[in-house]
Amino acid sequence: MSNKIKCSHILVDKQSEAMKLYEEIKSGKKFGAIARDISKCPSGKKDGDLGYFTKGMMVKEFEDVAFNLEIGEMSPPVKTQFGYHLIKRLA
């Protein structure tokens, strides 16, 4: 497991909205386009790209999921203090 990974994410307020987006992406909608249109994180402007990060840089709930994803894999909704995230590992 790498100690530095790169992820994109989509951040929304409600679990129901996150689940709906999760299903839409699994059905073929583009992760980056949804991030630009819907994510409440400023990273949405860059298709949700958070860049590279190491352990200890993100909140624990986010980090625990992100570091266990395979490259190209997207997580189901992850709850943190900020809301609900869909996380996609890029590298």
PDB file of N, CA and C in Angstrom:
ATOM      1  N   MET A   1       0.856  -1.193   0.000  1.00  0.00           N
ATOM      2  CA  MET A   1       0.000   0.000   0.000  1.00  0.00           C
ATOM      3  C   MET A   1       0.891   1.242   0.000  1.00  0.00           C
ATOM      4  N   SER A   2       0.594   2.144  -0.860  1.00  0.00           N
ATOM      5  CA  SER A   2       1.366   3.375  -0.993  1.00  0.00           C
ATOM      6  C   SER A   2       1.099   4.302   0.188  1.00  0.00           C
ATOM      7  N   ASN A   3       2.099   5.116   0.530  1.00  0.00           N
ATOM      8  CA  ASN A   3       1.873   6.091   1.605  1.00  0.00           C
ATOM      9  C   ASN A   3       1.452   7.444   1.045  1.00  0.00           C
ATOM     10  N   LYS A   4       1.416   7.573  -0.295  1.00  0.00           N
ATOM     11  CA  LYS A   4       0.932   8.800  -0.931  1.00  0.00           C
ATOM     12  C   LYS A   4      -0.017   8.391  -2.057  1.00  0.00           C
ATOM     13  N   ILE A   5      -1.231   8.905  -2.009  1.00  0.00           N
ATOM     14  CA  ILE A   5      -2.226   8.566  -3.029  1.00  0.00           C
ATOM     15  C   ILE A   5      -2.855   9.847  -3.585  1.00  0.00           C
ATOM     16  N   LYS A   6      -3.572   9.704  -4.680  1.00  0.00           N
ATOM     17  CA  LYS A   6      -4.264  10.830  -5.303  1.00  0.00           C
ATOM     18  C   LYS A   6      -5.726  10.426  -5.470  1.00  0.00           C
ATOM     19  N   CYS A   7      -6.619  11.316  -5.030  1.00  0.00           N
ATOM     20  CA  CYS A   7      -8.049  11.035  -5.112  1.00  0.00           C
ATOM     21  C   CYS A   7      -8.821  12.262  -5.578  1.00  0.00           C
ATOM     22  N   SER A   8      -9.997  11.991  -6.100  1.00  0.00           N
ATOM     23  CA  SER A   8     -11.014  13.015  -6.331  1.00  0.00           C
ATOM     24  C   SER A   8     -12.177  12.681  -5.418  1.00  0.00           C
ATOM     25  N   HIS A   9     -12.992  13.679  -5.136  1.00  0.00           N
ATOM     26  CA  HIS A   9     -14.181  13.376  -4.341  1.00  0.00           C
ATOM     27  C   HIS A   9     -15.311  14.327  -4.708  1.00  0.00           C
ATOM     28  N   ILE A  10     -16.494  13.909  -4.309  1.00  0.00           N
ATOM     29  CA  ILE A  10     -17.708  14.718  -4.433  1.00  0.00           C
ATOM     30  C   ILE A  10     -18.246  14.824  -3.017  1.00  0.00           C
ATOM     31  N   LEU A  11     -18.563  16.039  -2.597  1.00  0.00           N
ATOM     32  CA  LEU A  11     -19.057  16.273  -1.239  1.00  0.00           C
ATOM     33  C   LEU A  11     -20.464  16.855  -1.304  1.00  0.00           C
ATOM     34  N   VAL A  12     -21.393  16.193  -0.608  1.00  0.00           N
ATOM     35  CA  VAL A  12     -22.782  16.668  -0.525  1.00  0.00           C
ATOM     36  C   VAL A  12     -23.239  16.573   0.930  1.00  0.00           C
ATOM     37  N   ASP A  13     -24.381  17.189   1.220  1.00  0.00           N
ATOM     38  CA  ASP A  13     -24.883  17.243   2.594  1.00  0.00           C
ATOM     39  C   ASP A  13     -25.636  15.996   3.043  1.00  0.00           C
ATOM     40  N   LYS A  14     -26.340  15.346   2.114  1.00  0.00           N
ATOM     41  CA  LYS A  14     -27.264  14.275   2.511  1.00  0.00           C
ATOM     42  C   LYS A  14     -26.830  12.916   1.979  1.00  0.00           C
ATOM     43  N   GLN A  15     -27.010  11.904   2.818  1.00  0.00           N
ATOM     44  CA  GLN A  15     -26.682  10.543   2.415  1.00  0.00           C
ATOM     45  C   GLN A  15     -27.523  10.117   1.209  1.00  0.00           C
ATOM     46  N   SER A  16     -28.783  10.511   1.190  1.00  0.00           N
ATOM     47  CA  SER A  16     -29.646  10.124   0.071  1.00  0.00           C
ATOM     48  C   SER A  16     -29.130  10.706  -1.246  1.00  0.00           C
ATOM     49  N   GLU A  17     -28.648  11.939  -1.213  1.00  0.00           N
ATOM     50  CA  GLU A  17     -28.091  12.554  -2.422  1.00  0.00           C
ATOM     51  C   GLU A  17     -26.809  11.824  -2.838  1.00  0.00           C
ATOM     52  N   ALA A  18     -25.964  11.493  -1.864  1.00  0.00           N
ATOM     53  CA  ALA A  18     -24.725  10.773  -2.166  1.00  0.00           C
ATOM     54  C   ALA A  18     -25.028   9.413  -2.796  1.00  0.00           C
ATOM     55  N   MET A  19     -26.021   8.713  -2.276  1.00  0.00           N
ATOM     56  CA  MET A  19     -26.383   7.397  -2.835  1.00  0.00           C
ATOM     57  C   MET A  19     -26.898   7.525  -4.263  1.00  0.00           C
ATOM     58  N   LYS A  20     -27.699   8.553  -4.517  1.00  0.00           N
ATOM     59  CA  LYS A  20     -28.231   8.786  -5.853  1.00  0.00           C
ATOM     60  C   LYS A  20     -27.086   9.043  -6.839  1.00  0.00           C
ATOM     61  N   LEU A  21     -26.143   9.888  -6.447  1.00  0.00           N
ATOM     62  CA  LEU A  21     -24.992  10.192  -7.307  1.00  0.00           C
ATOM     63  C   LEU A  21     -24.122   8.960  -7.507  1.00  0.00           C
ATOM     64  N   TYR A  22     -23.945   8.170  -6.461  1.00  0.00           N
ATOM     65  CA  TYR A  22     -23.165   6.928  -6.543  1.00  0.00           C
ATOM     66  C   TYR A  22     -23.758   6.010  -7.621  1.00  0.00           C
ATOM     67  N   GLU A  23     -25.065   5.852  -7.591  1.00  0.00           N
ATOM     68  CA  GLU A  23     -25.731   4.991  -8.582  1.00  0.00           C
ATOM     69  C   GLU A  23     -25.620   5.580  -9.989  1.00  0.00           C
ATOM     70  N   GLU A  24     -25.746   6.910 -10.101  1.00  0.00           N
ATOM     71  CA  GLU A  24     -25.630   7.556 -11.421  1.00  0.00           C
ATOM     72  C   GLU A  24     -24.233   7.343 -12.012  1.00  0.00           C
ATOM     73  N   ILE A  25     -23.217   7.471 -11.189  1.00  0.00           N
ATOM     74  CA  ILE A  25     -21.838   7.286 -11.670  1.00  0.00           C
ATOM     75  C   ILE A  25     -21.625   5.825 -12.052  1.00  0.00           C
ATOM     76  N   LYS A  26     -22.113   4.901 -11.242  1.00  0.00           N
ATOM     77  CA  LYS A  26     -21.979   3.483 -11.582  1.00  0.00           C
ATOM     78  C   LYS A  26     -22.704   3.158 -12.883  1.00  0.00           C
ATOM     79  N   SER A  27     -23.723   3.948 -13.220  1.00  0.00           N
ATOM     80  CA  SER A  27     -24.486   3.736 -14.450  1.00  0.00           C
ATOM     81  C   SER A  27     -23.882   4.462 -15.649  1.00  0.00           C
ATOM     82  N   GLY A  28     -22.749   5.144 -15.462  1.00  0.00           N
ATOM     83  CA  GLY A  28     -22.068   5.732 -16.595  1.00  0.00           C
ATOM     84  C   GLY A  28     -21.875   7.232 -16.596  1.00  0.00           C
ATOM     85  N   LYS A  29     -22.501   7.948 -15.658  1.00  0.00           N
ATOM     86  CA  LYS A  29     -22.257   9.403 -15.611  1.00  0.00           C
ATOM     87  C   LYS A  29     -20.822   9.665 -15.193  1.00  0.00           C
ATOM     88  N   LYS A  30     -20.273  10.774 -15.660  1.00  0.00           N
ATOM     89  CA  LYS A  30     -18.871  11.107 -15.407  1.00  0.00           C
ATOM     90  C   LYS A  30     -18.682  11.694 -14.012  1.00  0.00           C
ATOM     91  N   PHE A  31     -17.766  11.107 -13.250  1.00  0.00           N
ATOM     92  CA  PHE A  31     -17.466  11.551 -11.890  1.00  0.00           C
ATOM     93  C   PHE A  31     -17.091  13.028 -11.877  1.00  0.00           C
ATOM     94  N   GLY A  32     -16.177  13.423 -12.750  1.00  0.00           N
ATOM     95  CA  GLY A  32     -15.696  14.806 -12.781  1.00  0.00           C
ATOM     96  C   GLY A  32     -16.779  15.815 -13.094  1.00  0.00           C
ATOM     97  N   ALA A  33     -17.664  15.458 -14.017  1.00  0.00           N
ATOM     98  CA  ALA A  33     -18.752  16.374 -14.377  1.00  0.00           C
ATOM     99  C   ALA A  33     -19.698  16.573 -13.192  1.00  0.00           C
ATOM    100  N   ILE A  34     -19.995  15.513 -12.485  1.00  0.00           N
ATOM    101  CA  ILE A  34     -20.863  15.630 -11.313  1.00  0.00           C
ATOM    102  C   ILE A  34     -20.170  16.442 -10.224  1.00  0.00           C
ATOM    103  N   ALA A  35     -18.871  16.212 -10.042  1.00  0.00           N
ATOM    104  CA  ALA A  35     -18.122  16.992  -9.046  1.00  0.00           C
ATOM    105  C   ALA A  35     -18.202  18.480  -9.369  1.00  0.00           C
ATOM    106  N   ARG A  36     -18.004  18.840 -10.641  1.00  0.00           N
ATOM    107  CA  ARG A  36     -18.056  20.256 -11.040  1.00  0.00           C
ATOM    108  C   ARG A  36     -19.438  20.857 -10.790  1.00  0.00           C
ATOM    109  N   ASP A  37     -20.470  20.093 -11.075  1.00  0.00           N
ATOM    110  CA  ASP A  37     -21.842  20.608 -10.990  1.00  0.00           C
ATOM    111  C   ASP A  37     -22.422  20.606  -9.583  1.00  0.00           C
ATOM    112  N   ILE A  38     -22.012  19.647  -8.741  1.00  0.00           N
ATOM    113  CA  ILE A  38     -22.742  19.420  -7.495  1.00  0.00           C
ATOM    114  C   ILE A  38     -21.904  19.527  -6.230  1.00  0.00           C
ATOM    115  N   SER A  39     -20.633  19.142  -6.268  1.00  0.00           N
ATOM    116  CA  SER A  39     -19.835  19.078  -5.045  1.00  0.00           C
ATOM    117  C   SER A  39     -19.778  20.430  -4.348  1.00  0.00           C
ATOM    118  N   LYS A  40     -19.909  20.409  -3.020  1.00  0.00           N
ATOM    119  CA  LYS A  40     -19.835  21.656  -2.255  1.00  0.00           C
ATOM    120  C   LYS A  40     -18.408  21.961  -1.795  1.00  0.00           C
ATOM    121  N   CYS A  41     -17.449  21.147  -2.205  1.00  0.00           N
ATOM    122  CA  CYS A  41     -16.040  21.400  -1.910  1.00  0.00           C
ATOM    123  C   CYS A  41     -15.434  22.222  -3.050  1.00  0.00           C
ATOM    124  N   PRO A  42     -14.557  23.177  -2.735  1.00  0.00           N
ATOM    125  CA  PRO A  42     -13.906  23.959  -3.807  1.00  0.00           C
ATOM    126  C   PRO A  42     -13.171  23.087  -4.836  1.00  0.00           C
ATOM    127  N   SER A  43     -12.778  21.878  -4.451  1.00  0.00           N
ATOM    128  CA  SER A  43     -12.104  20.978  -5.399  1.00  0.00           C
ATOM    129  C   SER A  43     -13.018  20.578  -6.553  1.00  0.00           C
ATOM    130  N   GLY A  44     -14.309  20.777  -6.396  1.00  0.00           N
ATOM    131  CA  GLY A  44     -15.257  20.454  -7.467  1.00  0.00           C
ATOM    132  C   GLY A  44     -14.918  21.153  -8.771  1.00  0.00           C
ATOM    133  N   LYS A  45     -14.365  22.349  -8.672  1.00  0.00           N
ATOM    134  CA  LYS A  45     -13.988  23.103  -9.874  1.00  0.00           C
ATOM    135  C   LYS A  45     -12.927  22.376 -10.691  1.00  0.00           C
ATOM    136  N   LYS A  46     -12.189  21.471 -10.035  1.00  0.00           N
ATOM    137  CA  LYS A  46     -11.145  20.694 -10.706  1.00  0.00           C
ATOM    138  C   LYS A  46     -11.575  19.230 -10.817  1.00  0.00           C
ATOM    139  N   ASP A  47     -12.841  18.982 -11.111  1.00  0.00           N
ATOM    140  CA  ASP A  47     -13.390  17.622 -11.206  1.00  0.00           C
ATOM    141  C   ASP A  47     -13.283  16.863  -9.884  1.00  0.00           C
ATOM    142  N   GLY A  48     -13.174  17.589  -8.777  1.00  0.00           N
ATOM    143  CA  GLY A  48     -13.085  16.960  -7.465  1.00  0.00           C
ATOM    144  C   GLY A  48     -11.672  16.568  -7.066  1.00  0.00           C
ATOM    145  N   ASP A  49     -10.684  16.884  -7.895  1.00  0.00           N
ATOM    146  CA  ASP A  49      -9.300  16.455  -7.672  1.00  0.00           C
ATOM    147  C   ASP A  49      -8.711  17.083  -6.406  1.00  0.00           C
ATOM    148  N   LEU A  50      -8.309  16.231  -5.483  1.00  0.00           N
ATOM    149  CA  LEU A  50      -7.680  16.679  -4.237  1.00  0.00           C
ATOM    150  C   LEU A  50      -6.159  16.639  -4.321  1.00  0.00           C
ATOM    151  N   GLY A  51      -5.624  16.148  -5.408  1.00  0.00           N
ATOM    152  CA  GLY A  51      -4.182  16.015  -5.542  1.00  0.00           C
ATOM    153  C   GLY A  51      -3.669  14.856  -4.704  1.00  0.00           C
ATOM    154  N   TYR A  52      -2.352  14.845  -4.508  1.00  0.00           N
ATOM    155  CA  TYR A  52      -1.718  13.787  -3.717  1.00  0.00           C
ATOM    156  C   TYR A  52      -1.759  14.141  -2.238  1.00  0.00           C
ATOM    157  N   PHE A  53      -1.947  13.120  -1.407  1.00  0.00           N
ATOM    158  CA  PHE A  53      -1.896  13.330   0.037  1.00  0.00           C
ATOM    159  C   PHE A  53      -1.390  12.066   0.719  1.00  0.00           C
ATOM    160  N   THR A  54      -0.919  12.249   1.933  1.00  0.00           N
ATOM    161  CA  THR A  54      -0.419  11.136   2.731  1.00  0.00           C
ATOM    162  C   THR A  54      -1.320  10.948   3.949  1.00  0.00           C
ATOM    163  N   LYS A  55      -1.082   9.850   4.659  1.00  0.00           N
ATOM    164  CA  LYS A  55      -1.863   9.605   5.874  1.00  0.00           C
ATOM    165  C   LYS A  55      -1.651  10.745   6.855  1.00  0.00           C
ATOM    166  N   GLY A  56      -2.736  11.130   7.506  1.00  0.00           N
ATOM    167  CA  GLY A  56      -2.682  12.209   8.482  1.00  0.00           C
ATOM    168  C   GLY A  56      -3.103  13.560   7.921  1.00  0.00           C
ATOM    169  N   MET A  57      -3.312  13.638   6.593  1.00  0.00           N
ATOM    170  CA  MET A  57      -3.693  14.918   5.986  1.00  0.00           C
ATOM    171  C   MET A  57      -5.206  15.079   5.852  1.00  0.00           C
ATOM    172  N   MET A  58      -5.945  13.992   5.890  1.00  0.00           N
ATOM    173  CA  MET A  58      -7.405  14.017   5.745  1.00  0.00           C
ATOM    174  C   MET A  58      -8.047  13.510   7.037  1.00  0.00           C
ATOM    175  N   VAL A  59      -9.335  13.796   7.191  1.00  0.00           N
ATOM    176  CA  VAL A  59     -10.021  13.272   8.371  1.00  0.00           C
ATOM    177  C   VAL A  59     -10.026  11.743   8.313  1.00  0.00           C
ATOM    178  N   LYS A  60     -10.019  11.113   9.478  1.00  0.00           N
ATOM    179  CA  LYS A  60      -9.846   9.665   9.590  1.00  0.00           C
ATOM    180  C   LYS A  60     -10.841   8.864   8.745  1.00  0.00           C
ATOM    181  N   GLU A  61     -12.113   9.215   8.795  1.00  0.00           N
ATOM    182  CA  GLU A  61     -13.124   8.441   8.058  1.00  0.00           C
ATOM    183  C   GLU A  61     -12.831   8.450   6.558  1.00  0.00           C
ATOM    184  N   PHE A  62     -12.437   9.611   6.044  1.00  0.00           N
ATOM    185  CA  PHE A  62     -12.107   9.765   4.626  1.00  0.00           C
ATOM    186  C   PHE A  62     -10.852   8.955   4.305  1.00  0.00           C
ATOM    187  N   GLU A  63      -9.834   9.159   5.106  1.00  0.00           N
ATOM    188  CA  GLU A  63      -8.546   8.508   4.888  1.00  0.00           C
ATOM    189  C   GLU A  63      -8.656   6.984   4.943  1.00  0.00           C
ATOM    190  N   ASP A  64      -9.388   6.461   5.912  1.00  0.00           N
ATOM    191  CA  ASP A  64      -9.522   5.010   6.051  1.00  0.00           C
ATOM    192  C   ASP A  64     -10.069   4.380   4.773  1.00  0.00           C
ATOM    193  N   VAL A  65     -11.030   5.034   4.150  1.00  0.00           N
ATOM    194  CA  VAL A  65     -11.616   4.508   2.914  1.00  0.00           C
ATOM    195  C   VAL A  65     -10.683   4.746   1.730  1.00  0.00           C
ATOM    196  N   ALA A  66     -10.176   5.966   1.597  1.00  0.00           N
ATOM    197  CA  ALA A  66      -9.351   6.326   0.437  1.00  0.00           C
ATOM    198  C   ALA A  66      -8.138   5.408   0.296  1.00  0.00           C
ATOM    199  N   PHE A  67      -7.459   5.119   1.397  1.00  0.00           N
ATOM    200  CA  PHE A  67      -6.245   4.306   1.328  1.00  0.00           C
ATOM    201  C   PHE A  67      -6.535   2.829   1.079  1.00  0.00           C
ATOM    202  N   ASN A  68      -7.790   2.419   1.141  1.00  0.00           N
ATOM    203  CA  ASN A  68      -8.147   1.030   0.857  1.00  0.00           C
ATOM    204  C   ASN A  68      -8.764   0.838  -0.524  1.00  0.00           C
ATOM    205  N   LEU A  69      -8.906   1.919  -1.281  1.00  0.00           N
ATOM    206  CA  LEU A  69      -9.438   1.805  -2.642  1.00  0.00           C
ATOM    207  C   LEU A  69      -8.337   1.385  -3.611  1.00  0.00           C
ATOM    208  N   GLU A  70      -8.734   0.659  -4.641  1.00  0.00           N
ATOM    209  CA  GLU A  70      -7.829   0.356  -5.746  1.00  0.00           C
ATOM    210  C   GLU A  70      -7.832   1.560  -6.682  1.00  0.00           C
ATOM    211  N   ILE A  71      -6.775   1.728  -7.453  1.00  0.00           N
ATOM    212  CA  ILE A  71      -6.731   2.819  -8.426  1.00  0.00           C
ATOM    213  C   ILE A  71      -7.896   2.652  -9.403  1.00  0.00           C
ATOM    214  N   GLY A  72      -8.652   3.737  -9.588  1.00  0.00           N
ATOM    215  CA  GLY A  72      -9.821   3.719 -10.466  1.00  0.00           C
ATOM    216  C   GLY A  72     -11.121   3.356  -9.760  1.00  0.00           C
ATOM    217  N   GLU A  73     -11.043   2.886  -8.538  1.00  0.00           N
ATOM    218  CA  GLU A  73     -12.226   2.476  -7.776  1.00  0.00           C
ATOM    219  C   GLU A  73     -12.873   3.666  -7.080  1.00  0.00           C
ATOM    220  N   MET A  74     -14.200   3.622  -6.979  1.00  0.00           N
ATOM    221  CA  MET A  74     -14.968   4.652  -6.284  1.00  0.00           C
ATOM    222  C   MET A  74     -15.616   4.040  -5.050  1.00  0.00           C
ATOM    223  N   SER A  75     -15.617   4.804  -3.977  1.00  0.00           N
ATOM    224  CA  SER A  75     -16.236   4.335  -2.736  1.00  0.00           C
ATOM    225  C   SER A  75     -17.730   4.596  -2.749  1.00  0.00           C
ATOM    226  N   PRO A  76     -18.477   3.817  -1.956  1.00  0.00           N
ATOM    227  CA  PRO A  76     -19.840   4.230  -1.634  1.00  0.00           C
ATOM    228  C   PRO A  76     -19.742   5.461  -0.730  1.00  0.00           C
ATOM    229  N   PRO A  77     -20.860   6.103  -0.394  1.00  0.00           N
ATOM    230  CA  PRO A  77     -20.811   7.309   0.438  1.00  0.00           C
ATOM    231  C   PRO A  77     -20.090   7.087   1.772  1.00  0.00           C
ATOM    232  N   VAL A  78     -19.262   8.077   2.122  1.00  0.00           N
ATOM    233  CA  VAL A  78     -18.494   8.060   3.366  1.00  0.00           C
ATOM    234  C   VAL A  78     -18.882   9.302   4.162  1.00  0.00           C
ATOM    235  N   LYS A  79     -19.340   9.084   5.409  1.00  0.00           N
ATOM    236  CA  LYS A  79     -19.766  10.213   6.245  1.00  0.00           C
ATOM    237  C   LYS A  79     -18.577  10.755   7.030  1.00  0.00           C
ATOM    238  N   THR A  80     -18.414  12.091   6.985  1.00  0.00           N
ATOM    239  CA  THR A  80     -17.430  12.779   7.829  1.00  0.00           C
ATOM    240  C   THR A  80     -18.120  13.984   8.445  1.00  0.00           C
ATOM    241  N   GLN A  81     -17.378  14.758   9.204  1.00  0.00           N
ATOM    242  CA  GLN A  81     -17.933  15.975   9.805  1.00  0.00           C
ATOM    243  C   GLN A  81     -18.345  16.992   8.753  1.00  0.00           C
ATOM    244  N   PHE A  82     -17.866  16.838   7.518  1.00  0.00           N
ATOM    245  CA  PHE A  82     -18.159  17.795   6.451  1.00  0.00           C
ATOM    246  C   PHE A  82     -19.399  17.433   5.642  1.00  0.00           C
ATOM    247  N   GLY A  83     -19.822  16.174   5.716  1.00  0.00           N
ATOM    248  CA  GLY A  83     -20.957  15.705   4.929  1.00  0.00           C
ATOM    249  C   GLY A  83     -20.673  14.306   4.400  1.00  0.00           C
ATOM    250  N   TYR A  84     -21.194  14.025   3.217  1.00  0.00           N
ATOM    251  CA  TYR A  84     -21.039  12.703   2.607  1.00  0.00           C
ATOM    252  C   TYR A  84     -20.182  12.824   1.362  1.00  0.00           C
ATOM    253  N   HIS A  85     -19.157  11.970   1.289  1.00  0.00           N
ATOM    254  CA  HIS A  85     -18.202  11.984   0.198  1.00  0.00           C
ATOM    255  C   HIS A  85     -18.341  10.743  -0.661  1.00  0.00           C
ATOM    256  N   LEU A  86     -18.174  10.910  -1.954  1.00  0.00           N
ATOM    257  CA  LEU A  86     -17.859   9.804  -2.856  1.00  0.00           C
ATOM    258  C   LEU A  86     -16.402  10.018  -3.189  1.00  0.00           C
ATOM    259  N   ILE A  87     -15.595   9.000  -2.984  1.00  0.00           N
ATOM    260  CA  ILE A  87     -14.146   9.124  -3.173  1.00  0.00           C
ATOM    261  C   ILE A  87     -13.732   8.216  -4.331  1.00  0.00           C
ATOM    262  N   LYS A  88     -12.949   8.779  -5.243  1.00  0.00           N
ATOM    263  CA  LYS A  88     -12.412   7.993  -6.355  1.00  0.00           C
ATOM    264  C   LYS A  88     -10.900   8.085  -6.309  1.00  0.00           C
ATOM    265  N   ARG A  89     -10.255   6.930  -6.235  1.00  0.00           N
ATOM    266  CA  ARG A  89      -8.789   6.916  -6.202  1.00  0.00           C
ATOM    267  C   ARG A  89      -8.244   7.030  -7.611  1.00  0.00           C
ATOM    268  N   LEU A  90      -7.346   7.972  -7.812  1.00  0.00           N
ATOM    269  CA  LEU A  90      -6.768   8.236  -9.133  1.00  0.00           C
ATOM    270  C   LEU A  90      -5.368   7.649  -9.269  1.00  0.00           C
ATOM    271  N   ALA A  91      -4.615   7.594  -8.198  1.00  0.00           N
ATOM    272  CA  ALA A  91      -3.241   7.064  -8.251  1.00  0.00           C
ATOM    273  C   ALA A  91      -2.800   6.655  -6.850  1.00  0.00           C
TER     274      ALA A  91
END
